[in-house]
Every structure is written in structure tokens, then in C-alpha cells.
Amino acid sequence: MSAVADTTAIANLIATYAELVDSGDLAGAGALFSDAVFIGSSGPIQGRGGGVERMLRDSVILYEDGTPRTHHVTTNLAVDVDERAATATARSYVTVFQAVPGFPLQPVAAGRYRDRFACRDGAWRFTERRVSIHLVGDVSRHLRT
């Protein structure tokens, strides 16, 4: 692959995570980390054996439509590809918006992703995601406490 194609594939992988979570496909979101570690406020979680899916199911509130009624916006994406090693890193901002009946549309969290990737069999995969949430709003309708 070329550097541009690699960068696009990695950006698409980051976007896919947001789309899967927002659509309520927590199994699909978890599967993105099957060979990776997810590091958030509760510490590192190994993706093997469904660890990331379990963490999402235990923490994210899903509504009648099967979604968390959220919209993850990932911006300020910077990707660095090491073609020789077939690895890459990315850093980005994330803002989570939510709206539910009686709770108007608003940002509920904002922070950063720091991701690592490896290219295996011609496909880019997560090897690590570090989530640092710096701004927290009312997450009472998004996360279980």
C-alpha cells in the first residue's frame, strides 16, 4: 500500500469504531480490538476473548432503539505510518454528543485517542487504543456508574 492508502485505511478504522458504537453494535466495536489492548479510565483491557465488548456492554447504556443515542465525532486526526515496520500511530480528538427524550442534544464528553496499529495480511488493525477523557459533562444517560 502507499502512505496515502495506509493513512486512509487507518482513518477509516477509527471512523468505523465510532459508527459501530453509535449504532449500538458493541460486538462489532469490540471485535476491532480482538488483537489489541484498550486502555481507558478502568485500566487496560485485552480484546481477546471479548474483553472490550464486555467492557462496553457493562458501561454503555443502550436505549429502546438498540443504540446509546450518541454521536462520536473524531477530529484533528494525525497519522504516522512506518512502512518498513508495517506499523502506525494516530492521535485524534473525540467529542461525544448525546440526545435522549428529556435530555437535549449536548456534548457529554471530550478527550483524545492515542492509537497504535499493525498491518497484517494487508489489513490495518488496532494494537492499542488509549482513551483520555479531559472534559466530562452529564454522562448519566450514557454510562452506567
C-alpha atoms as a PDB file:
ATOM      1  CA  MET A   1       0.000   0.000   0.000  1.00  0.00           C
ATOM      2  CA  SER A   2       1.027   3.618  -0.374  1.00  0.00           C
ATOM      3  CA  ALA A   3       1.343   6.044   2.535  1.00  0.00           C
ATOM      4  CA  VAL A   4      -1.863   7.786   1.420  1.00  0.00           C
ATOM      5  CA  ALA A   5      -3.761   4.487   1.185  1.00  0.00           C
ATOM      6  CA  ASP A   6      -2.421   3.409   4.582  1.00  0.00           C
ATOM      7  CA  THR A   7      -3.456   6.694   6.177  1.00  0.00           C
ATOM      8  CA  THR A   8      -6.919   6.435   4.636  1.00  0.00           C
ATOM      9  CA  ALA A   9      -7.339   2.840   5.826  1.00  0.00           C
ATOM     10  CA  ILE A  10      -6.357   3.846   9.371  1.00  0.00           C
ATOM     11  CA  ALA A  11      -8.691   6.866   9.353  1.00  0.00           C
ATOM     12  CA  ASN A  12     -11.494   4.585   8.164  1.00  0.00           C
ATOM     13  CA  LEU A  13     -10.778   2.153  11.005  1.00  0.00           C
ATOM     14  CA  ILE A  14     -11.023   4.981  13.553  1.00  0.00           C
ATOM     15  CA  ALA A  15     -14.316   6.125  11.974  1.00  0.00           C
ATOM     16  CA  THR A  16     -15.652   2.566  11.966  1.00  0.00           C
ATOM     17  CA  TYR A  17     -15.243   2.336  15.743  1.00  0.00           C
ATOM     18  CA  ALA A  18     -17.360   5.483  16.209  1.00  0.00           C
ATOM     19  CA  GLU A  19     -20.026   4.240  13.808  1.00  0.00           C
ATOM     20  CA  LEU A  20     -20.246   0.842  15.490  1.00  0.00           C
ATOM     21  CA  VAL A  21     -20.591   2.278  18.998  1.00  0.00           C
ATOM     22  CA  ASP A  22     -23.146   4.872  17.890  1.00  0.00           C
ATOM     23  CA  SER A  23     -25.217   2.212  16.105  1.00  0.00           C
ATOM     24  CA  GLY A  24     -25.180   0.000  19.216  1.00  0.00           C
ATOM     25  CA  ASP A  25     -23.051  -2.706  17.592  1.00  0.00           C
ATOM     26  CA  LEU A  26     -20.880  -3.257  20.659  1.00  0.00           C
ATOM     27  CA  ALA A  27     -19.843  -6.717  19.457  1.00  0.00           C
ATOM     28  CA  GLY A  28     -18.561  -5.177  16.228  1.00  0.00           C
ATOM     29  CA  ALA A  29     -16.760  -2.404  18.119  1.00  0.00           C
ATOM     30  CA  GLY A  30     -15.200  -4.976  20.441  1.00  0.00           C
ATOM     31  CA  ALA A  31     -14.112  -7.130  17.501  1.00  0.00           C
ATOM     32  CA  LEU A  32     -11.955  -4.253  16.219  1.00  0.00           C
ATOM     33  CA  PHE A  33      -9.774  -4.855  19.294  1.00  0.00           C
ATOM     34  CA  SER A  34      -9.548  -8.663  19.109  1.00  0.00           C
ATOM     35  CA  ASP A  35      -5.747  -8.426  18.854  1.00  0.00           C
ATOM     36  CA  ALA A  36      -5.377  -5.225  20.848  1.00  0.00           C
ATOM     37  CA  VAL A  37      -5.451  -3.633  24.249  1.00  0.00           C
ATOM     38  CA  PHE A  38      -7.929  -0.874  25.103  1.00  0.00           C
ATOM     39  CA  ILE A  39      -6.697   1.459  27.834  1.00  0.00           C
ATOM     40  CA  GLY A  40      -9.245   3.762  29.428  1.00  0.00           C
ATOM     41  CA  SER A  41     -10.190   5.032  32.850  1.00  0.00           C
ATOM     42  CA  SER A  42     -10.681   1.481  34.168  1.00  0.00           C
ATOM     43  CA  GLY A  43      -7.198   0.393  33.073  1.00  0.00           C
ATOM     44  CA  PRO A  44      -6.050  -1.917  30.291  1.00  0.00           C
ATOM     45  CA  ILE A  45      -8.495  -4.410  28.805  1.00  0.00           C
ATOM     46  CA  GLN A  46      -7.342  -7.157  26.462  1.00  0.00           C
ATOM     47  CA  GLY A  47      -9.542  -7.556  23.415  1.00  0.00           C
ATOM     48  CA  ARG A  48      -9.027 -11.303  23.162  1.00  0.00           C
ATOM     49  CA  GLY A  49     -11.976 -13.251  24.488  1.00  0.00           C
ATOM     50  CA  GLY A  50     -14.383 -10.325  24.077  1.00  0.00           C
ATOM     51  CA  GLY A  51     -12.923  -8.131  26.816  1.00  0.00           C
ATOM     52  CA  VAL A  52     -13.594  -4.838  25.043  1.00  0.00           C
ATOM     53  CA  GLU A  53     -17.124  -5.859  24.076  1.00  0.00           C
ATOM     54  CA  ARG A  54     -17.801  -6.852  27.699  1.00  0.00           C
ATOM     55  CA  MET A  55     -16.457  -3.512  28.948  1.00  0.00           C
ATOM     56  CA  LEU A  56     -18.692  -1.624  26.508  1.00  0.00           C
ATOM     57  CA  ARG A  57     -21.760  -3.690  27.447  1.00  0.00           C
ATOM     58  CA  ASP A  58     -21.065  -3.134  31.147  1.00  0.00           C
ATOM     59  CA  SER A  59     -20.634   0.633  30.801  1.00  0.00           C
ATOM     60  CA  VAL A  60     -22.687   1.989  27.864  1.00  0.00           C
ATOM     61  CA  ILE A  61     -26.445   2.464  28.266  1.00  0.00           C
ATOM     62  CA  LEU A  62     -28.443   1.277  25.241  1.00  0.00           C
ATOM     63  CA  TYR A  63     -31.961   2.567  24.564  1.00  0.00           C
ATOM     64  CA  GLU A  64     -35.116   1.042  23.051  1.00  0.00           C
ATOM     65  CA  ASP A  65     -33.746   1.525  19.535  1.00  0.00           C
ATOM     66  CA  GLY A  66     -30.647  -0.507  20.472  1.00  0.00           C
ATOM     67  CA  THR A  67     -28.307   2.486  20.351  1.00  0.00           C
ATOM     68  CA  PRO A  68     -26.710   4.675  23.027  1.00  0.00           C
ATOM     69  CA  ARG A  69     -28.246   7.732  21.296  1.00  0.00           C
ATOM     70  CA  THR A  70     -24.733   9.140  20.899  1.00  0.00           C
ATOM     71  CA  HIS A  71     -22.698  10.644  18.099  1.00  0.00           C
ATOM     72  CA  HIS A  72     -18.918  10.299  18.385  1.00  0.00           C
ATOM     73  CA  VAL A  73     -17.071  12.981  16.422  1.00  0.00           C
ATOM     74  CA  THR A  74     -13.395  12.262  15.813  1.00  0.00           C
ATOM     75  CA  THR A  75     -11.306  15.234  14.661  1.00  0.00           C
ATOM     76  CA  ASN A  76      -7.750  16.568  14.483  1.00  0.00           C
ATOM     77  CA  LEU A  77      -6.579  13.203  13.185  1.00  0.00           C
ATOM     78  CA  ALA A  78      -2.832  12.836  12.713  1.00  0.00           C
ATOM     79  CA  VAL A  79      -1.485   9.521  11.395  1.00  0.00           C
ATOM     80  CA  ASP A  80       2.172   8.453  11.232  1.00  0.00           C
ATOM     81  CA  VAL A  81       2.934   5.316   9.214  1.00  0.00           C
ATOM     82  CA  ASP A  82       6.172   3.333   9.439  1.00  0.00           C
ATOM     83  CA  GLU A  83       6.021   1.456   6.134  1.00  0.00           C
ATOM     84  CA  ARG A  84       9.107  -0.654   6.866  1.00  0.00           C
ATOM     85  CA  ALA A  85       7.764  -1.943  10.164  1.00  0.00           C
ATOM     86  CA  ALA A  86       4.149  -2.111   8.908  1.00  0.00           C
ATOM     87  CA  THR A  87       3.038  -0.178  11.981  1.00  0.00           C
ATOM     88  CA  ALA A  88       1.396   3.165  12.561  1.00  0.00           C
ATOM     89  CA  THR A  89       0.315   5.549  15.267  1.00  0.00           C
ATOM     90  CA  ALA A  90      -2.534   8.030  15.300  1.00  0.00           C
ATOM     91  CA  ARG A  91      -3.747  10.711  17.605  1.00  0.00           C
ATOM     92  CA  SER A  92      -7.116  12.408  17.477  1.00  0.00           C
ATOM     93  CA  TYR A  93      -9.712  14.300  19.460  1.00  0.00           C
ATOM     94  CA  VAL A  94     -13.082  12.773  20.289  1.00  0.00           C
ATOM     95  CA  THR A  95     -16.265  14.563  21.310  1.00  0.00           C
ATOM     96  CA  VAL A  96     -19.329  12.556  22.285  1.00  0.00           C
ATOM     97  CA  PHE A  97     -22.735  14.136  21.780  1.00  0.00           C
ATOM     98  CA  GLN A  98     -25.955  12.669  23.125  1.00  0.00           C
ATOM     99  CA  ALA A  99     -29.684  13.364  22.993  1.00  0.00           C
ATOM    100  CA  VAL A 100     -32.491  11.355  24.577  1.00  0.00           C
ATOM    101  CA  PRO A 101     -36.082  12.295  25.428  1.00  0.00           C
ATOM    102  CA  GLY A 102     -35.927  14.912  28.155  1.00  0.00           C
ATOM    103  CA  PHE A 103     -32.195  15.441  27.570  1.00  0.00           C
ATOM    104  CA  PRO A 104     -31.468  17.837  24.702  1.00  0.00           C
ATOM    105  CA  LEU A 105     -28.561  17.383  22.323  1.00  0.00           C
ATOM    106  CA  GLN A 106     -25.312  18.252  24.075  1.00  0.00           C
ATOM    107  CA  PRO A 107     -21.679  17.236  24.357  1.00  0.00           C
ATOM    108  CA  VAL A 108     -21.252  14.773  27.216  1.00  0.00           C
ATOM    109  CA  ALA A 109     -17.524  14.028  26.948  1.00  0.00           C
ATOM    110  CA  ALA A 110     -14.415  15.174  25.099  1.00  0.00           C
ATOM    111  CA  GLY A 111     -10.894  13.855  25.048  1.00  0.00           C
ATOM    112  CA  ARG A 112      -8.206  12.199  22.997  1.00  0.00           C
ATOM    113  CA  TYR A 113      -7.459   8.878  21.383  1.00  0.00           C
ATOM    114  CA  ARG A 114      -3.880   7.676  21.006  1.00  0.00           C
ATOM    115  CA  ASP A 115      -3.872   4.603  18.794  1.00  0.00           C
ATOM    116  CA  ARG A 116      -1.344   2.054  17.556  1.00  0.00           C
ATOM    117  CA  PHE A 117      -1.832  -0.190  14.540  1.00  0.00           C
ATOM    118  CA  ALA A 118      -0.175  -3.055  12.708  1.00  0.00           C
ATOM    119  CA  CYS A 119      -0.710  -4.155   9.138  1.00  0.00           C
ATOM    120  CA  ARG A 120      -1.288  -7.909   8.987  1.00  0.00           C
ATOM    121  CA  ASP A 121      -2.142  -9.800   5.822  1.00  0.00           C
ATOM    122  CA  GLY A 122      -2.629  -6.480   4.030  1.00  0.00           C
ATOM    123  CA  ALA A 123      -5.149  -5.087   6.535  1.00  0.00           C
ATOM    124  CA  TRP A 124      -4.609  -2.497   9.249  1.00  0.00           C
ATOM    125  CA  ARG A 125      -5.698  -3.484  12.765  1.00  0.00           C
ATOM    126  CA  PHE A 126      -5.704  -1.803  16.146  1.00  0.00           C
ATOM    127  CA  THR A 127      -2.980  -2.996  18.522  1.00  0.00           C
ATOM    128  CA  GLU A 128      -3.664  -0.379  21.212  1.00  0.00           C
ATOM    129  CA  ARG A 129      -6.107   2.412  21.992  1.00  0.00           C
ATOM    130  CA  ARG A 130      -5.529   4.865  24.838  1.00  0.00           C
ATOM    131  CA  VAL A 131      -8.567   6.937  25.713  1.00  0.00           C
ATOM    132  CA  SER A 132      -8.077  10.080  27.801  1.00  0.00           C
ATOM    133  CA  ILE A 133     -11.267  11.977  28.557  1.00  0.00           C
ATOM    134  CA  HIS A 134     -10.454  15.522  29.689  1.00  0.00           C
ATOM    135  CA  LEU A 135     -13.882  17.163  29.724  1.00  0.00           C
ATOM    136  CA  VAL A 136     -16.891  15.401  31.210  1.00  0.00           C
ATOM    137  CA  GLY A 137     -20.447  16.660  31.040  1.00  0.00           C
ATOM    138  CA  ASP A 138     -23.615  14.893  32.113  1.00  0.00           C
ATOM    139  CA  VAL A 139     -22.887  11.253  31.275  1.00  0.00           C
ATOM    140  CA  SER A 140     -25.718   9.941  33.482  1.00  0.00           C
ATOM    141  CA  ARG A 141     -27.718   8.873  30.425  1.00  0.00           C
ATOM    142  CA  HIS A 142     -24.690   7.484  28.574  1.00  0.00           C
ATOM    143  CA  LEU A 143     -22.652   5.479  31.089  1.00  0.00           C
ATOM    144  CA  ARG A 144     -23.556   3.195  33.967  1.00  0.00           C
ATOM    145  CA  THR A 145     -21.898   4.237  37.204  1.00  0.00           C
END
